[in-house]
Amino acid sequence: MRSGVIAFAALAMLASGVDAQPLKIVEVSAPAINCVFNATCKITVSDTTGNILLPTVAAGTAWLQSRTFAGQPGTPAAGLTGYNYRISLTQASGQTDCITSFNINFGPHKPLPYKDNTPADIYVVTGGGLGTISLKSAVRSNDVIEFTLKSPLCLNGPADIKNTTFFIGIAASAAPMHVNTQISVVGFPSIYAVDARVPTHSVPQDPPGGL
């Protein structure tokens, strides 16, 4: 997939906030969250990464991770696919503009009882795994979900395992496909296009001339 700076026209993905719907977020721990998808509480995952081409760090050291796994029979997620996302600067060193949010053209999703047997839209794995930054909000506008970080993900110094978000999870009925996702930062350029995996659904084409 193409990666780079997104043209201003691509911001139309958010549909100007029309029909914006705040999504319910819960914070969970691993491996307990795995039990929603597999009765053994163990899952087999598939990972891909999309490079965030921040100009002040080495290529391949800043990325958006997409993780998928299948919901097994006899679980709340039976027949669904789990999608996890994590923004990582753990291997980057130097100084960068701060990452504040990311937008994914995700398509339809399925709420599940991720915590206390109560349905929620999004879960954040704040215990038992990597990460230091949670979510402030998740807002759906048509097919696009805007994830706003609870605090900016910044880099100013050597590589550090703490420089990453927690895994952010959501489920859907469709198998994965690849799309360009928007990563928003404080600075210029303010938006980068990054490869991610989402449920298969109809996505508008890139603007004329590409990204």
Protein backbone atom coordinates (compact mmCIF):
# COMPACT_ATOMS: atom_id res chain seq x y z
CA MET A 1 0.00 0.00 0.00
CA ARG A 2 1.13 3.59 -0.53
CA SER A 3 2.36 5.45 2.52
CA GLY A 4 3.11 9.12 2.91
CA VAL A 5 1.39 12.41 3.48
CA ILE A 6 -2.34 12.40 2.80
CA ALA A 7 -3.75 15.05 0.53
CA PHE A 8 -6.18 17.45 2.16
CA ALA A 9 -9.03 16.06 0.09
CA ALA A 10 -8.70 12.73 1.89
CA LEU A 11 -10.01 14.33 5.06
CA ALA A 12 -13.46 13.95 3.55
CA MET A 13 -13.30 10.42 5.02
CA LEU A 14 -14.68 11.84 8.24
CA ALA A 15 -17.81 13.09 6.47
CA SER A 16 -17.46 16.41 8.30
CA GLY A 17 -18.64 14.83 11.53
CA VAL A 18 -22.11 14.07 10.13
CA ASP A 19 -23.86 11.38 12.21
CA ALA A 20 -20.90 11.23 14.62
CA GLN A 21 -21.49 8.47 17.16
CA PRO A 22 -19.34 8.13 20.30
CA LEU A 23 -18.42 4.48 20.88
CA LYS A 24 -18.25 2.75 24.26
CA ILE A 25 -14.68 1.95 25.37
CA VAL A 26 -13.67 -0.43 28.16
CA GLU A 27 -10.23 -1.16 29.57
CA VAL A 28 -9.36 -4.85 29.96
CA SER A 29 -6.43 -7.12 30.75
CA ALA A 30 -4.75 -10.00 28.93
CA PRO A 31 -5.05 -12.93 28.78
CA ALA A 32 -8.60 -12.62 30.13
CA ILE A 33 -9.78 -10.67 27.07
CA ASN A 34 -8.76 -13.62 24.89
CA CYS A 35 -11.58 -15.67 26.45
CA VAL A 36 -14.09 -13.60 24.47
CA PHE A 37 -12.60 -15.09 21.30
CA ASN A 38 -11.35 -18.53 22.37
CA ALA A 39 -12.61 -20.83 25.14
CA THR A 40 -9.00 -21.73 26.04
CA CYS A 41 -8.20 -18.00 26.44
CA LYS A 42 -5.37 -18.45 23.93
CA ILE A 43 -5.53 -16.95 20.42
CA THR A 44 -3.52 -17.42 17.24
CA VAL A 45 -2.80 -14.03 15.69
CA SER A 46 -1.72 -12.61 12.35
CA ASP A 47 0.30 -9.36 12.44
CA THR A 48 1.14 -6.77 9.81
CA THR A 49 2.67 -3.31 10.15
CA GLY A 50 2.33 -0.08 8.20
CA ASN A 51 5.27 2.31 8.40
CA ILE A 52 4.63 5.85 9.66
CA LEU A 53 7.12 7.86 7.63
CA LEU A 54 7.99 10.47 10.23
CA PRO A 55 10.84 12.46 8.67
CA THR A 56 13.00 12.73 11.80
CA VAL A 57 13.39 9.00 12.62
CA ALA A 58 14.83 6.04 10.74
CA ALA A 59 12.48 4.31 8.31
CA GLY A 60 10.82 1.25 9.79
CA THR A 61 11.05 2.41 13.42
CA ALA A 62 7.58 3.99 13.65
CA TRP A 63 4.58 1.95 12.68
CA LEU A 64 0.91 1.05 13.08
CA GLN A 65 0.47 -2.62 13.93
CA SER A 66 -2.65 -4.47 12.75
CA ARG A 67 -3.41 -7.77 14.49
CA THR A 68 -6.24 -10.12 13.56
CA PHE A 69 -7.57 -13.38 14.98
CA ALA A 70 -10.65 -15.56 14.61
CA GLY A 71 -13.48 -15.91 17.10
CA GLN A 72 -13.96 -19.59 17.86
CA PRO A 73 -17.21 -21.59 18.28
CA GLY A 74 -18.73 -21.48 21.74
CA THR A 75 -17.50 -17.96 22.51
CA PRO A 76 -19.21 -14.53 22.36
CA ALA A 77 -17.11 -13.75 19.26
CA ALA A 78 -17.92 -16.98 17.40
CA GLY A 79 -17.79 -16.39 13.64
CA LEU A 80 -16.29 -12.91 14.03
CA THR A 81 -12.77 -11.56 13.49
CA GLY A 82 -10.93 -9.61 16.15
CA TYR A 83 -8.94 -6.54 15.06
CA ASN A 84 -6.25 -4.99 17.26
CA TYR A 85 -4.26 -1.82 16.55
CA ARG A 86 -1.15 -0.42 18.23
CA ILE A 87 0.98 2.60 17.33
CA SER A 88 4.63 1.98 18.18
CA LEU A 89 7.69 4.21 18.43
CA THR A 90 9.53 1.68 20.62
CA GLN A 91 12.36 1.21 18.13
CA ALA A 92 12.64 4.87 17.13
CA SER A 93 15.14 7.33 18.57
CA GLY A 94 15.53 11.08 18.22
CA GLN A 95 12.70 13.59 18.25
CA THR A 96 9.33 13.58 16.48
CA ASP A 97 6.09 15.49 16.40
CA CYS A 98 3.53 13.97 18.77
CA ILE A 99 0.92 11.52 17.46
CA THR A 100 -2.55 12.44 18.74
CA SER A 101 -5.08 10.28 16.89
CA PHE A 102 -5.75 7.94 13.99
CA ASN A 103 -8.71 7.45 11.67
CA ILE A 104 -9.64 4.08 10.18
CA ASN A 105 -12.25 3.40 7.52
CA PHE A 106 -13.31 0.29 9.40
CA GLY A 107 -16.81 -0.41 8.17
CA PRO A 108 -19.41 -2.15 10.37
CA HIS A 109 -18.34 -3.54 13.75
CA LYS A 110 -19.94 -5.81 16.36
CA PRO A 111 -20.20 -4.86 20.05
CA LEU A 112 -19.24 -7.69 22.40
CA PRO A 113 -19.23 -8.29 26.20
CA TYR A 114 -15.56 -7.48 26.69
CA LYS A 115 -15.95 -6.61 30.39
CA ASP A 116 -18.47 -7.44 33.13
CA ASN A 117 -20.69 -9.26 30.59
CA THR A 118 -21.78 -5.88 29.23
CA PRO A 119 -21.53 -5.08 25.50
CA ALA A 120 -18.97 -2.47 24.44
CA ASP A 121 -17.69 -1.29 21.08
CA ILE A 122 -13.96 -0.93 21.78
CA TYR A 123 -11.56 -2.44 24.28
CA VAL A 124 -8.08 -1.30 25.33
CA VAL A 125 -5.67 -3.88 26.77
CA THR A 126 -4.22 -1.84 29.63
CA GLY A 127 -3.02 -4.84 31.64
CA GLY A 128 -0.84 -7.83 30.81
CA GLY A 129 0.68 -6.48 27.60
CA LEU A 130 2.63 -3.74 25.90
CA GLY A 131 1.68 -0.09 26.08
CA THR A 132 1.47 3.08 28.14
CA ILE A 133 -1.16 5.18 26.31
CA SER A 134 -4.90 4.47 26.31
CA LEU A 135 -7.82 6.04 24.42
CA LYS A 136 -9.60 9.27 25.22
CA SER A 137 -12.42 8.59 22.76
CA ALA A 138 -13.55 6.65 19.72
CA VAL A 139 -16.10 8.30 17.44
CA ARG A 140 -17.75 6.74 14.39
CA SER A 141 -18.75 8.89 11.39
CA ASN A 142 -20.36 6.57 8.83
CA ASP A 143 -17.70 3.89 8.17
CA VAL A 144 -14.81 5.86 9.68
CA ILE A 145 -13.74 5.59 13.32
CA GLU A 146 -11.57 8.32 14.82
CA PHE A 147 -9.46 7.07 17.74
CA THR A 148 -8.14 9.91 19.92
CA LEU A 149 -5.31 9.03 22.30
CA LYS A 150 -5.65 9.83 26.00
CA SER A 151 -2.24 11.53 25.83
CA PRO A 152 -0.01 12.27 22.82
CA LEU A 153 2.56 9.66 21.78
CA CYS A 154 5.79 11.65 21.57
CA LEU A 155 9.48 10.88 21.07
CA ASN A 156 12.37 12.85 22.48
CA GLY A 157 15.41 10.67 23.15
CA PRO A 158 16.57 7.06 22.75
CA ALA A 159 14.47 4.02 21.85
CA ASP A 160 12.20 3.01 24.74
CA ILE A 161 9.74 0.11 25.14
CA LYS A 162 7.32 2.57 26.77
CA ASN A 163 6.82 4.56 23.55
CA THR A 164 3.70 2.77 22.35
CA THR A 165 -0.05 2.78 22.75
CA PHE A 166 -1.86 -0.14 24.32
CA PHE A 167 -3.52 -2.60 21.95
CA ILE A 168 -6.90 -1.23 20.88
CA GLY A 169 -9.47 -3.88 19.93
CA ILE A 170 -12.70 -4.12 17.97
CA ALA A 171 -14.57 -6.97 16.28
CA ALA A 172 -16.37 -7.43 12.96
CA SER A 173 -17.95 -10.16 10.87
CA ALA A 174 -15.83 -9.68 7.73
CA ALA A 175 -12.37 -11.01 6.90
CA PRO A 176 -9.44 -8.54 6.60
CA MET A 177 -8.39 -6.34 3.72
CA HIS A 178 -5.82 -3.53 3.49
CA VAL A 179 -6.59 0.21 3.43
CA ASN A 180 -4.79 3.51 3.96
CA THR A 181 -5.30 4.89 7.46
CA GLN A 182 -4.76 8.46 8.68
CA ILE A 183 -2.27 9.13 11.49
CA SER A 184 -2.58 12.66 12.91
CA VAL A 185 0.34 14.49 14.51
CA VAL A 186 1.04 17.92 15.98
CA GLY A 187 3.21 19.63 13.38
CA PHE A 188 3.61 19.78 9.63
CA PRO A 189 2.74 17.65 7.81
CA SER A 190 -0.08 16.90 10.21
CA ILE A 191 -1.43 13.71 8.59
CA TYR A 192 0.29 10.58 7.29
CA ALA A 193 -1.14 7.68 5.30
CA VAL A 194 -0.34 4.27 6.79
CA ASP A 195 -1.29 0.75 5.77
CA ALA A 196 -3.74 -1.07 8.06
CA ARG A 197 -6.02 -4.08 7.90
CA VAL A 198 -9.76 -3.66 8.34
CA PRO A 199 -12.88 -5.76 7.66
CA THR A 200 -13.62 -6.15 3.97
CA HIS A 201 -16.13 -3.49 2.88
CA SER A 202 -16.53 -0.84 0.21
CA VAL A 203 -14.01 2.01 0.60
CA PRO A 204 -13.87 5.21 -1.51
CA GLN A 205 -10.90 5.37 -3.88
CA ASP A 206 -7.91 7.59 -3.11
CA PRO A 207 -8.09 11.15 -4.48
CA PRO A 208 -6.96 11.68 -8.13
CA GLY A 209 -3.19 11.42 -8.32
CA GLY A 210 -3.02 9.17 -5.24
CA LEU A 211 -1.69 10.02 -1.80
